[in-house]
């Protein structure tokens, strides 16, 4: 039997191609950490604007906590093993906050804030955590960037949230989603 028609080699080649495709699909999915929370308690009709804003902020805060402590943060931190070792690489990404008004026809309010992580950030985290494990230091830096990004995104969508309160779009079920998306690292120029 020739090399080209050997069934074992053909099947082996197919298996390698499938495993490469699965690894590629997994590497695209391990770029995000999400946290989502929904409030199903409808506020009173006479509730004040600050009370209703606190409701929306508490949803965003719960989404942040779920994203920061999700199991999806570990694969993001594992990506920093190479970044921490190579001094000329960095990571960039986005933090997004989305408010979805389920019982209203109003469109989602979305705020997106970019961030970047340079090797110096990991070195500073290394001094604070007193460990040289890149994944532990990366989780600390990622959670800090997530917190700062959520606050900045909230400030961006604050005027739109106030408009939604005027339209009474928040009277009903409301969902908040916090997402951290990490893009592949690029060389620093």
C-alpha atoms as a PDB file:
ATOM      1  CA  UNK A   1       0.000   0.000   0.000  1.00  0.00           C
ATOM      2  CA  UNK A   2       1.314   3.415  -0.818  1.00  0.00           C
ATOM      3  CA  UNK A   3       1.659   6.283   1.611  1.00  0.00           C
ATOM      4  CA  UNK A   4      -1.305   8.130   0.087  1.00  0.00           C
ATOM      5  CA  UNK A   5      -3.749   5.238   0.252  1.00  0.00           C
ATOM      6  CA  UNK A   6      -2.817   3.894   3.670  1.00  0.00           C
ATOM      7  CA  UNK A   7      -6.109   4.078   5.632  1.00  0.00           C
ATOM      8  CA  UNK A   8      -4.345   4.409   8.978  1.00  0.00           C
ATOM      9  CA  UNK A   9      -2.427   7.461   7.832  1.00  0.00           C
ATOM     10  CA  UNK A  10      -5.536   9.017   6.305  1.00  0.00           C
ATOM     11  CA  UNK A  11      -7.521   8.555   9.537  1.00  0.00           C
ATOM     12  CA  UNK A  12      -4.601   9.839  11.589  1.00  0.00           C
ATOM     13  CA  UNK A  13      -4.429  12.941   9.420  1.00  0.00           C
ATOM     14  CA  UNK A  14      -8.179  13.508   9.809  1.00  0.00           C
ATOM     15  CA  UNK A  15      -7.897  13.144  13.594  1.00  0.00           C
ATOM     16  CA  UNK A  16      -5.056  15.676  13.727  1.00  0.00           C
ATOM     17  CA  UNK A  17      -7.072  18.137  11.645  1.00  0.00           C
ATOM     18  CA  UNK A  18     -10.117  17.697  13.907  1.00  0.00           C
ATOM     19  CA  UNK A  19      -8.083  18.205  17.057  1.00  0.00           C
ATOM     20  CA  UNK A  20      -6.512  21.367  15.560  1.00  0.00           C
ATOM     21  CA  UNK A  21      -9.979  22.675  14.719  1.00  0.00           C
ATOM     22  CA  UNK A  22     -11.229  21.935  18.235  1.00  0.00           C
ATOM     23  CA  UNK A  23      -8.219  23.647  19.795  1.00  0.00           C
ATOM     24  CA  UNK A  24      -8.763  26.669  17.564  1.00  0.00           C
ATOM     25  CA  UNK A  25     -12.435  26.830  18.566  1.00  0.00           C
ATOM     26  CA  UNK A  26     -11.533  26.547  22.241  1.00  0.00           C
ATOM     27  CA  UNK A  27      -8.894  29.245  21.961  1.00  0.00           C
ATOM     28  CA  UNK A  28     -11.521  31.643  20.604  1.00  0.00           C
ATOM     29  CA  UNK A  29     -13.902  30.859  23.469  1.00  0.00           C
ATOM     30  CA  UNK A  30     -11.347  31.266  26.235  1.00  0.00           C
ATOM     31  CA  UNK A  31     -10.932  34.947  25.460  1.00  0.00           C
ATOM     32  CA  UNK A  32     -13.967  36.097  27.416  1.00  0.00           C
ATOM     33  CA  UNK A  33     -15.206  36.163  30.976  1.00  0.00           C
ATOM     34  CA  UNK A  34     -18.869  36.982  31.491  1.00  0.00           C
ATOM     35  CA  UNK A  35     -21.114  37.743  34.393  1.00  0.00           C
ATOM     36  CA  UNK A  36     -24.841  38.130  34.063  1.00  0.00           C
ATOM     37  CA  UNK A  37     -27.525  38.976  36.594  1.00  0.00           C
ATOM     38  CA  UNK A  38     -31.252  39.592  36.245  1.00  0.00           C
ATOM     39  CA  UNK A  39     -33.657  41.412  38.540  1.00  0.00           C
ATOM     40  CA  UNK A  40     -37.215  40.150  38.352  1.00  0.00           C
ATOM     41  CA  UNK A  41     -38.587  42.285  41.187  1.00  0.00           C
ATOM     42  CA  UNK A  42     -40.495  45.161  39.678  1.00  0.00           C
ATOM     43  CA  UNK A  43     -39.899  48.439  41.529  1.00  0.00           C
ATOM     44  CA  UNK A  44     -42.826  50.275  43.053  1.00  0.00           C
ATOM     45  CA  UNK A  45     -44.551  52.802  40.845  1.00  0.00           C
ATOM     46  CA  UNK A  46     -43.714  55.579  43.288  1.00  0.00           C
ATOM     47  CA  UNK A  47     -40.022  54.679  43.672  1.00  0.00           C
ATOM     48  CA  UNK A  48     -37.640  57.574  43.212  1.00  0.00           C
ATOM     49  CA  UNK A  49     -35.045  57.965  40.473  1.00  0.00           C
ATOM     50  CA  UNK A  50     -32.083  57.373  42.835  1.00  0.00           C
ATOM     51  CA  UNK A  51     -33.693  54.144  44.072  1.00  0.00           C
ATOM     52  CA  UNK A  52     -34.178  52.932  40.511  1.00  0.00           C
ATOM     53  CA  UNK A  53     -30.592  53.919  39.597  1.00  0.00           C
ATOM     54  CA  UNK A  54     -29.350  51.967  42.627  1.00  0.00           C
ATOM     55  CA  UNK A  55     -31.268  48.960  41.318  1.00  0.00           C
ATOM     56  CA  UNK A  56     -29.478  49.171  37.956  1.00  0.00           C
ATOM     57  CA  UNK A  57     -26.086  49.761  39.587  1.00  0.00           C
ATOM     58  CA  UNK A  58     -26.565  46.791  41.921  1.00  0.00           C
ATOM     59  CA  UNK A  59     -27.309  44.622  38.861  1.00  0.00           C
ATOM     60  CA  UNK A  60     -24.110  45.772  37.200  1.00  0.00           C
ATOM     61  CA  UNK A  61     -22.194  45.178  40.428  1.00  0.00           C
ATOM     62  CA  UNK A  62     -23.578  41.625  40.695  1.00  0.00           C
ATOM     63  CA  UNK A  63     -22.617  40.987  37.060  1.00  0.00           C
ATOM     64  CA  UNK A  64     -19.115  42.282  37.797  1.00  0.00           C
ATOM     65  CA  UNK A  65     -18.751  39.970  40.794  1.00  0.00           C
ATOM     66  CA  UNK A  66     -19.892  36.976  38.751  1.00  0.00           C
ATOM     67  CA  UNK A  67     -17.448  37.813  35.945  1.00  0.00           C
ATOM     68  CA  UNK A  68     -14.531  38.449  38.320  1.00  0.00           C
ATOM     69  CA  UNK A  69     -15.022  35.154  40.141  1.00  0.00           C
ATOM     70  CA  UNK A  70     -16.111  33.030  37.194  1.00  0.00           C
ATOM     71  CA  UNK A  71     -14.265  29.956  36.055  1.00  0.00           C
ATOM     72  CA  UNK A  72     -13.689  31.730  32.725  1.00  0.00           C
ATOM     73  CA  UNK A  73     -11.050  33.989  34.309  1.00  0.00           C
ATOM     74  CA  UNK A  74      -8.586  31.102  34.689  1.00  0.00           C
ATOM     75  CA  UNK A  75      -8.115  30.556  30.908  1.00  0.00           C
ATOM     76  CA  UNK A  76      -7.653  34.311  30.475  1.00  0.00           C
ATOM     77  CA  UNK A  77      -4.971  34.310  33.153  1.00  0.00           C
ATOM     78  CA  UNK A  78      -3.294  31.244  31.652  1.00  0.00           C
ATOM     79  CA  UNK A  79      -2.707  33.219  28.465  1.00  0.00           C
ATOM     80  CA  UNK A  80      -0.258  35.400  30.418  1.00  0.00           C
ATOM     81  CA  UNK A  81       2.299  32.654  30.904  1.00  0.00           C
ATOM     82  CA  UNK A  82       3.881  33.710  27.619  1.00  0.00           C
ATOM     83  CA  UNK A  83       3.272  37.426  28.102  1.00  0.00           C
ATOM     84  CA  UNK A  84       4.981  37.458  31.499  1.00  0.00           C
ATOM     85  CA  UNK A  85       7.996  35.684  30.089  1.00  0.00           C
ATOM     86  CA  UNK A  86       8.411  37.878  27.013  1.00  0.00           C
ATOM     87  CA  UNK A  87       9.104  41.487  27.886  1.00  0.00           C
ATOM     88  CA  UNK A  88       8.101  42.961  24.521  1.00  0.00           C
ATOM     89  CA  UNK A  89       4.515  41.659  24.462  1.00  0.00           C
ATOM     90  CA  UNK A  90       1.326  43.137  25.838  1.00  0.00           C
ATOM     91  CA  UNK A  91      -2.379  42.337  25.923  1.00  0.00           C
ATOM     92  CA  UNK A  92      -5.342  44.450  24.962  1.00  0.00           C
ATOM     93  CA  UNK A  93      -9.001  43.951  25.459  1.00  0.00           C
ATOM     94  CA  UNK A  94     -12.392  45.457  26.195  1.00  0.00           C
ATOM     95  CA  UNK A  95     -14.738  45.569  29.145  1.00  0.00           C
ATOM     96  CA  UNK A  96     -18.386  45.969  28.229  1.00  0.00           C
ATOM     97  CA  UNK A  97     -21.457  46.588  30.341  1.00  0.00           C
ATOM     98  CA  UNK A  98     -24.867  45.903  28.823  1.00  0.00           C
ATOM     99  CA  UNK A  99     -28.291  46.632  30.313  1.00  0.00           C
ATOM    100  CA  UNK A 100     -31.175  44.791  28.699  1.00  0.00           C
ATOM    101  CA  UNK A 101     -34.723  45.972  29.414  1.00  0.00           C
ATOM    102  CA  UNK A 102     -36.678  42.753  28.985  1.00  0.00           C
ATOM    103  CA  UNK A 103     -40.209  44.134  29.440  1.00  0.00           C
ATOM    104  CA  UNK A 104     -39.615  47.263  27.358  1.00  0.00           C
ATOM    105  CA  UNK A 105     -39.065  47.895  23.674  1.00  0.00           C
ATOM    106  CA  UNK A 106     -36.078  50.111  24.423  1.00  0.00           C
ATOM    107  CA  UNK A 107     -32.790  48.934  22.945  1.00  0.00           C
ATOM    108  CA  UNK A 108     -29.968  47.731  25.166  1.00  0.00           C
ATOM    109  CA  UNK A 109     -27.680  50.312  26.705  1.00  0.00           C
ATOM    110  CA  UNK A 110     -24.087  49.230  26.126  1.00  0.00           C
ATOM    111  CA  UNK A 111     -20.847  50.804  27.269  1.00  0.00           C
ATOM    112  CA  UNK A 112     -17.445  49.539  26.083  1.00  0.00           C
ATOM    113  CA  UNK A 113     -14.075  50.548  27.516  1.00  0.00           C
ATOM    114  CA  UNK A 114     -10.722  49.343  26.121  1.00  0.00           C
ATOM    115  CA  UNK A 115      -7.808  48.385  28.338  1.00  0.00           C
ATOM    116  CA  UNK A 116      -4.254  47.195  27.940  1.00  0.00           C
ATOM    117  CA  UNK A 117      -1.891  45.201  30.089  1.00  0.00           C
ATOM    118  CA  UNK A 118       1.846  45.623  29.790  1.00  0.00           C
ATOM    119  CA  UNK A 119       4.548  43.510  31.456  1.00  0.00           C
ATOM    120  CA  UNK A 120       5.141  46.260  34.036  1.00  0.00           C
ATOM    121  CA  UNK A 121       1.596  45.673  35.344  1.00  0.00           C
ATOM    122  CA  UNK A 122       2.459  42.032  35.950  1.00  0.00           C
ATOM    123  CA  UNK A 123       5.697  43.026  37.693  1.00  0.00           C
ATOM    124  CA  UNK A 124       3.772  45.367  39.996  1.00  0.00           C
ATOM    125  CA  UNK A 125       1.280  42.594  40.768  1.00  0.00           C
ATOM    126  CA  UNK A 126       4.206  40.273  41.462  1.00  0.00           C
ATOM    127  CA  UNK A 127       5.449  42.680  44.144  1.00  0.00           C
ATOM    128  CA  UNK A 128       2.005  42.809  45.767  1.00  0.00           C
ATOM    129  CA  UNK A 129       1.219  39.091  45.656  1.00  0.00           C
ATOM    130  CA  UNK A 130       4.804  38.033  46.448  1.00  0.00           C
ATOM    131  CA  UNK A 131       4.558  35.119  44.060  1.00  0.00           C
ATOM    132  CA  UNK A 132       6.161  34.522  40.694  1.00  0.00           C
ATOM    133  CA  UNK A 133       3.245  32.522  39.270  1.00  0.00           C
ATOM    134  CA  UNK A 134       2.165  34.415  36.140  1.00  0.00           C
ATOM    135  CA  UNK A 135      -1.427  33.162  36.293  1.00  0.00           C
ATOM    136  CA  UNK A 136      -1.944  34.427  39.879  1.00  0.00           C
ATOM    137  CA  UNK A 137      -0.478  37.807  39.004  1.00  0.00           C
ATOM    138  CA  UNK A 138      -2.515  37.921  35.801  1.00  0.00           C
ATOM    139  CA  UNK A 139      -5.763  37.251  37.665  1.00  0.00           C
ATOM    140  CA  UNK A 140      -4.986  40.151  39.987  1.00  0.00           C
ATOM    141  CA  UNK A 141      -4.304  42.474  37.045  1.00  0.00           C
ATOM    142  CA  UNK A 142      -7.337  41.234  35.094  1.00  0.00           C
ATOM    143  CA  UNK A 143      -9.685  41.776  38.039  1.00  0.00           C
ATOM    144  CA  UNK A 144      -8.300  45.275  38.520  1.00  0.00           C
ATOM    145  CA  UNK A 145      -8.799  46.079  34.824  1.00  0.00           C
ATOM    146  CA  UNK A 146     -12.297  44.579  34.983  1.00  0.00           C
ATOM    147  CA  UNK A 147     -13.240  46.723  37.975  1.00  0.00           C
ATOM    148  CA  UNK A 148     -11.873  49.906  36.423  1.00  0.00           C
ATOM    149  CA  UNK A 149     -13.495  49.065  33.090  1.00  0.00           C
ATOM    150  CA  UNK A 150     -16.904  48.432  34.635  1.00  0.00           C
ATOM    151  CA  UNK A 151     -16.823  51.762  36.475  1.00  0.00           C
ATOM    152  CA  UNK A 152     -15.730  53.627  33.331  1.00  0.00           C
ATOM    153  CA  UNK A 153     -18.383  51.882  31.199  1.00  0.00           C
ATOM    154  CA  UNK A 154     -21.021  52.700  33.803  1.00  0.00           C
ATOM    155  CA  UNK A 155     -20.043  56.369  33.669  1.00  0.00           C
ATOM    156  CA  UNK A 156     -20.387  56.217  29.877  1.00  0.00           C
ATOM    157  CA  UNK A 157     -23.900  54.786  29.915  1.00  0.00           C
ATOM    158  CA  UNK A 158     -25.126  56.762  32.930  1.00  0.00           C
ATOM    159  CA  UNK A 159     -26.894  59.452  30.799  1.00  0.00           C
ATOM    160  CA  UNK A 160     -28.630  56.751  28.734  1.00  0.00           C
ATOM    161  CA  UNK A 161     -29.712  54.965  31.892  1.00  0.00           C
ATOM    162  CA  UNK A 162     -31.269  58.197  33.143  1.00  0.00           C
ATOM    163  CA  UNK A 163     -33.113  58.540  29.832  1.00  0.00           C
ATOM    164  CA  UNK A 164     -34.382  54.989  30.242  1.00  0.00           C
ATOM    165  CA  UNK A 165     -35.652  55.889  33.700  1.00  0.00           C
ATOM    166  CA  UNK A 166     -37.536  58.838  32.227  1.00  0.00           C
ATOM    167  CA  UNK A 167     -39.095  56.486  29.660  1.00  0.00           C
ATOM    168  CA  UNK A 168     -39.935  54.054  32.503  1.00  0.00           C
ATOM    169  CA  UNK A 169     -38.106  51.280  30.596  1.00  0.00           C
ATOM    170  CA  UNK A 170     -36.717  49.900  33.855  1.00  0.00           C
ATOM    171  CA  UNK A 171     -40.179  49.114  35.249  1.00  0.00           C
ATOM    172  CA  UNK A 172     -40.075  45.377  34.670  1.00  0.00           C
ATOM    173  CA  UNK A 173     -37.427  42.717  34.347  1.00  0.00           C
ATOM    174  CA  UNK A 174     -33.924  44.067  33.762  1.00  0.00           C
ATOM    175  CA  UNK A 175     -30.740  42.150  32.987  1.00  0.00           C
ATOM    176  CA  UNK A 176     -27.128  43.323  33.256  1.00  0.00           C
ATOM    177  CA  UNK A 177     -24.197  41.616  31.572  1.00  0.00           C
ATOM    178  CA  UNK A 178     -20.530  42.377  32.178  1.00  0.00           C
ATOM    179  CA  UNK A 179     -18.036  40.977  29.673  1.00  0.00           C
ATOM    180  CA  UNK A 180     -14.249  41.073  29.576  1.00  0.00           C
ATOM    181  CA  UNK A 181     -12.793  40.223  26.180  1.00  0.00           C
ATOM    182  CA  UNK A 182      -9.056  39.714  25.855  1.00  0.00           C
ATOM    183  CA  UNK A 183      -7.511  40.006  22.403  1.00  0.00           C
ATOM    184  CA  UNK A 184      -4.318  38.168  21.455  1.00  0.00           C
ATOM    185  CA  UNK A 185      -1.078  39.796  22.502  1.00  0.00           C
ATOM    186  CA  UNK A 186       0.864  41.976  20.105  1.00  0.00           C
ATOM    187  CA  UNK A 187       4.473  43.159  20.187  1.00  0.00           C
ATOM    188  CA  UNK A 188       5.090  46.564  21.769  1.00  0.00           C
ATOM    189  CA  UNK A 189       6.654  48.957  19.313  1.00  0.00           C
END
